[in-house]
Every structure is written in C-alpha cells, then in structure tokens.
Amino acid sequence: MDSLGGIPMGRPAEPEEIAELVRFLVSPHACYLTGAEYVIDGGTIPTI
C-alpha cells in the first residue's frame, strides 16, 4: 500500500464493515439497485 501512496482513510477496512455492505445488498432495502459497483479501497483509487 505504501507504493500506492497509502490508504487515504488511514487504515484497511474491517471485515465487519464489508459485512455491513453485503448485509445491505442482500436485504430488501437494496431491491431497487441495479448495475451498481462498490469499490472498497479506502479511497486509494481516485474516482469521479
């Protein structure tokens, strides 16, 4: 990660944080989402 400039959020994600996203995506609350991508990189990859 140092060669990429580190992680802007300051730390890697905890497994529980990823699990929360997965829990949301498989719940009825996400029933209207289609074709979405979720990048879980702590802000390492710049996006617009």
PDB file of N, CA and C in Angstrom:
ATOM      1  N   MET A   1       0.817  -1.190   0.000  1.00  0.00           N
ATOM      2  CA  MET A   1       0.000   0.000   0.000  1.00  0.00           C
ATOM      3  C   MET A   1       0.864   1.259   0.000  1.00  0.00           C
ATOM      4  N   ASP A   2       2.059   1.186   0.597  1.00  0.00           N
ATOM      5  CA  ASP A   2       2.924   2.360   0.616  1.00  0.00           C
ATOM      6  C   ASP A   2       3.302   2.796  -0.793  1.00  0.00           C
ATOM      7  N   SER A   3       3.512   1.836  -1.707  1.00  0.00           N
ATOM      8  CA  SER A   3       3.890   2.190  -3.074  1.00  0.00           C
ATOM      9  C   SER A   3       2.743   2.885  -3.818  1.00  0.00           C
ATOM     10  N   LEU A   4       1.517   2.698  -3.359  1.00  0.00           N
ATOM     11  CA  LEU A   4       0.359   3.362  -3.958  1.00  0.00           C
ATOM     12  C   LEU A   4       0.057   4.700  -3.289  1.00  0.00           C
ATOM     13  N   GLY A   5       0.838   5.038  -2.267  1.00  0.00           N
ATOM     14  CA  GLY A   5       0.592   6.294  -1.571  1.00  0.00           C
ATOM     15  C   GLY A   5      -0.186   6.116  -0.287  1.00  0.00           C
ATOM     16  N   GLY A   6      -0.330   4.890   0.170  1.00  0.00           N
ATOM     17  CA  GLY A   6      -1.059   4.632   1.408  1.00  0.00           C
ATOM     18  C   GLY A   6      -2.561   4.537   1.190  1.00  0.00           C
ATOM     19  N   ILE A   7      -3.282   4.501   2.278  1.00  0.00           N
ATOM     20  CA  ILE A   7      -4.741   4.437   2.247  1.00  0.00           C
ATOM     21  C   ILE A   7      -5.260   5.773   2.792  1.00  0.00           C
ATOM     22  N   PRO A   8      -5.929   6.581   1.971  1.00  0.00           N
ATOM     23  CA  PRO A   8      -6.406   7.881   2.437  1.00  0.00           C
ATOM     24  C   PRO A   8      -7.275   7.814   3.703  1.00  0.00           C
ATOM     25  N   MET A   9      -8.022   6.754   3.894  1.00  0.00           N
ATOM     26  CA  MET A   9      -8.838   6.623   5.104  1.00  0.00           C
ATOM     27  C   MET A   9      -7.976   6.287   6.321  1.00  0.00           C
ATOM     28  N   GLY A  10      -6.703   5.946   6.091  1.00  0.00           N
ATOM     29  CA  GLY A  10      -5.780   5.724   7.182  1.00  0.00           C
ATOM     30  C   GLY A  10      -5.668   4.293   7.672  1.00  0.00           C
ATOM     31  N   ARG A  11      -6.507   3.400   7.166  1.00  0.00           N
ATOM     32  CA  ARG A  11      -6.467   2.008   7.616  1.00  0.00           C
ATOM     33  C   ARG A  11      -7.231   1.138   6.638  1.00  0.00           C
ATOM     34  N   PRO A  12      -6.920  -0.155   6.598  1.00  0.00           N
ATOM     35  CA  PRO A  12      -7.730  -1.067   5.785  1.00  0.00           C
ATOM     36  C   PRO A  12      -9.107  -1.251   6.430  1.00  0.00           C
ATOM     37  N   ALA A  13     -10.048  -1.698   5.641  1.00  0.00           N
ATOM     38  CA  ALA A  13     -11.400  -1.948   6.160  1.00  0.00           C
ATOM     39  C   ALA A  13     -11.398  -3.142   7.104  1.00  0.00           C
ATOM     40  N   GLU A  14     -12.280  -3.066   8.068  1.00  0.00           N
ATOM     41  CA  GLU A  14     -12.512  -4.203   8.968  1.00  0.00           C
ATOM     42  C   GLU A  14     -13.501  -5.146   8.295  1.00  0.00           C
ATOM     43  N   PRO A  15     -13.379  -6.450   8.529  1.00  0.00           N
ATOM     44  CA  PRO A  15     -14.329  -7.398   7.927  1.00  0.00           C
ATOM     45  C   PRO A  15     -15.786  -7.060   8.240  1.00  0.00           C
ATOM     46  N   GLU A  16     -16.042  -6.533   9.428  1.00  0.00           N
ATOM     47  CA  GLU A  16     -17.414  -6.174   9.801  1.00  0.00           C
ATOM     48  C   GLU A  16     -17.965  -5.062   8.917  1.00  0.00           C
ATOM     49  N   GLU A  17     -17.092  -4.154   8.479  1.00  0.00           N
ATOM     50  CA  GLU A  17     -17.538  -3.062   7.609  1.00  0.00           C
ATOM     51  C   GLU A  17     -17.949  -3.593   6.237  1.00  0.00           C
ATOM     52  N   ILE A  18     -17.220  -4.564   5.741  1.00  0.00           N
ATOM     53  CA  ILE A  18     -17.579  -5.193   4.461  1.00  0.00           C
ATOM     54  C   ILE A  18     -18.863  -5.982   4.627  1.00  0.00           C
ATOM     55  N   ALA A  19     -18.990  -6.666   5.746  1.00  0.00           N
ATOM     56  CA  ALA A  19     -20.200  -7.452   6.016  1.00  0.00           C
ATOM     57  C   ALA A  19     -21.440  -6.567   6.055  1.00  0.00           C
ATOM     58  N   GLU A  20     -21.308  -5.351   6.563  1.00  0.00           N
ATOM     59  CA  GLU A  20     -22.456  -4.433   6.602  1.00  0.00           C
ATOM     60  C   GLU A  20     -22.940  -4.102   5.195  1.00  0.00           C
ATOM     61  N   LEU A  21     -22.012  -3.893   4.265  1.00  0.00           N
ATOM     62  CA  LEU A  21     -22.401  -3.627   2.880  1.00  0.00           C
ATOM     63  C   LEU A  21     -23.088  -4.844   2.277  1.00  0.00           C
ATOM     64  N   VAL A  22     -22.514  -6.016   2.481  1.00  0.00           N
ATOM     65  CA  VAL A  22     -23.112  -7.246   1.960  1.00  0.00           C
ATOM     66  C   VAL A  22     -24.503  -7.444   2.549  1.00  0.00           C
ATOM     67  N   ARG A  23     -24.635  -7.215   3.847  1.00  0.00           N
ATOM     68  CA  ARG A  23     -25.948  -7.355   4.515  1.00  0.00           C
ATOM     69  C   ARG A  23     -26.970  -6.421   3.878  1.00  0.00           C
ATOM     70  N   PHE A  24     -26.567  -5.186   3.594  1.00  0.00           N
ATOM     71  CA  PHE A  24     -27.472  -4.243   2.940  1.00  0.00           C
ATOM     72  C   PHE A  24     -27.850  -4.729   1.543  1.00  0.00           C
ATOM     73  N   LEU A  25     -26.852  -5.181   0.763  1.00  0.00           N
ATOM     74  CA  LEU A  25     -27.114  -5.573  -0.615  1.00  0.00           C
ATOM     75  C   LEU A  25     -28.040  -6.771  -0.733  1.00  0.00           C
ATOM     76  N   VAL A  26     -28.035  -7.651   0.243  1.00  0.00           N
ATOM     77  CA  VAL A  26     -28.928  -8.815   0.179  1.00  0.00           C
ATOM     78  C   VAL A  26     -30.255  -8.571   0.897  1.00  0.00           C
ATOM     79  N   SER A  27     -30.430  -7.377   1.429  1.00  0.00           N
ATOM     80  CA  SER A  27     -31.664  -7.057   2.141  1.00  0.00           C
ATOM     81  C   SER A  27     -32.698  -6.471   1.190  1.00  0.00           C
ATOM     82  N   PRO A  28     -33.941  -6.405   1.614  1.00  0.00           N
ATOM     83  CA  PRO A  28     -34.986  -5.769   0.806  1.00  0.00           C
ATOM     84  C   PRO A  28     -34.736  -4.277   0.565  1.00  0.00           C
ATOM     85  N   HIS A  29     -33.912  -3.657   1.386  1.00  0.00           N
ATOM     86  CA  HIS A  29     -33.627  -2.225   1.219  1.00  0.00           C
ATOM     87  C   HIS A  29     -32.897  -1.937  -0.088  1.00  0.00           C
ATOM     88  N   ALA A  30     -32.231  -2.917  -0.657  1.00  0.00           N
ATOM     89  CA  ALA A  30     -31.461  -2.725  -1.885  1.00  0.00           C
ATOM     90  C   ALA A  30     -32.200  -3.278  -3.111  1.00  0.00           C
ATOM     91  N   CYS A  31     -33.478  -3.515  -2.982  1.00  0.00           N
ATOM     92  CA  CYS A  31     -34.220  -4.174  -4.064  1.00  0.00           C
ATOM     93  C   CYS A  31     -34.293  -3.344  -5.347  1.00  0.00           C
ATOM     94  N   TYR A  32     -34.045  -2.051  -5.281  1.00  0.00           N
ATOM     95  CA  TYR A  32     -34.150  -1.213  -6.480  1.00  0.00           C
ATOM     96  C   TYR A  32     -32.787  -0.870  -7.077  1.00  0.00           C
ATOM     97  N   LEU A  33     -31.713  -1.429  -6.543  1.00  0.00           N
ATOM     98  CA  LEU A  33     -30.382  -1.195  -7.086  1.00  0.00           C
ATOM     99  C   LEU A  33     -30.119  -2.142  -8.241  1.00  0.00           C
ATOM    100  N   THR A  34     -29.611  -1.595  -9.331  1.00  0.00           N
ATOM    101  CA  THR A  34     -29.223  -2.430 -10.466  1.00  0.00           C
ATOM    102  C   THR A  34     -27.914  -1.911 -11.041  1.00  0.00           C
ATOM    103  N   GLY A  35     -27.032  -2.811 -11.384  1.00  0.00           N
ATOM    104  CA  GLY A  35     -25.799  -2.455 -12.059  1.00  0.00           C
ATOM    105  C   GLY A  35     -24.859  -1.564 -11.279  1.00  0.00           C
ATOM    106  N   ALA A  36     -24.879  -1.638  -9.975  1.00  0.00           N
ATOM    107  CA  ALA A  36     -24.000  -0.794  -9.162  1.00  0.00           C
ATOM    108  C   ALA A  36     -22.686  -1.505  -8.869  1.00  0.00           C
ATOM    109  N   GLU A  37     -21.614  -0.725  -8.757  1.00  0.00           N
ATOM    110  CA  GLU A  37     -20.313  -1.240  -8.349  1.00  0.00           C
ATOM    111  C   GLU A  37     -19.911  -0.530  -7.068  1.00  0.00           C
ATOM    112  N   TYR A  38     -19.388  -1.267  -6.140  1.00  0.00           N
ATOM    113  CA  TYR A  38     -18.933  -0.697  -4.878  1.00  0.00           C
ATOM    114  C   TYR A  38     -17.441  -0.974  -4.748  1.00  0.00           C
ATOM    115  N   VAL A  39     -16.651   0.081  -4.744  1.00  0.00           N
ATOM    116  CA  VAL A  39     -15.205  -0.041  -4.611  1.00  0.00           C
ATOM    117  C   VAL A  39     -14.879   0.115  -3.133  1.00  0.00           C
ATOM    118  N   ILE A  40     -14.267  -0.900  -2.577  1.00  0.00           N
ATOM    119  CA  ILE A  40     -13.911  -0.880  -1.169  1.00  0.00           C
ATOM    120  C   ILE A  40     -12.391  -0.844  -1.095  1.00  0.00           C
ATOM    121  N   ASP A  41     -11.840   0.363  -1.151  1.00  0.00           N
ATOM    122  CA  ASP A  41     -10.387   0.512  -1.179  1.00  0.00           C
ATOM    123  C   ASP A  41      -9.887   1.613  -0.261  1.00  0.00           C
ATOM    124  N   GLY A  42     -10.749   2.148   0.570  1.00  0.00           N
ATOM    125  CA  GLY A  42     -10.336   3.199   1.495  1.00  0.00           C
ATOM    126  C   GLY A  42      -9.966   4.504   0.819  1.00  0.00           C
ATOM    127  N   GLY A  43     -10.388   4.671  -0.428  1.00  0.00           N
ATOM    128  CA  GLY A  43     -10.095   5.893  -1.163  1.00  0.00           C
ATOM    129  C   GLY A  43      -8.803   5.848  -1.950  1.00  0.00           C
ATOM    130  N   THR A  44      -8.201   4.660  -2.086  1.00  0.00           N
ATOM    131  CA  THR A  44      -6.924   4.522  -2.783  1.00  0.00           C
ATOM    132  C   THR A  44      -7.039   4.858  -4.258  1.00  0.00           C
ATOM    133  N   ILE A  45      -8.096   4.387  -4.909  1.00  0.00           N
ATOM    134  CA  ILE A  45      -8.290   4.634  -6.335  1.00  0.00           C
ATOM    135  C   ILE A  45      -9.136   5.882  -6.508  1.00  0.00           C
ATOM    136  N   PRO A  46      -8.578   6.936  -7.132  1.00  0.00           N
ATOM    137  CA  PRO A  46      -9.363   8.156  -7.335  1.00  0.00           C
ATOM    138  C   PRO A  46     -10.527   7.893  -8.290  1.00  0.00           C
ATOM    139  N   THR A  47     -11.696   8.344  -7.935  1.00  0.00           N
ATOM    140  CA  THR A  47     -12.880   8.216  -8.791  1.00  0.00           C
ATOM    141  C   THR A  47     -13.585   9.560  -8.879  1.00  0.00           C
ATOM    142  N   ILE A  48     -14.336   9.707  -9.937  1.00  0.00           N
ATOM    143  CA  ILE A  48     -15.102  10.936 -10.128  1.00  0.00           C
ATOM    144  C   ILE A  48     -16.569  10.600 -10.056  1.00  0.00           C
TER     145      ILE A  48
END
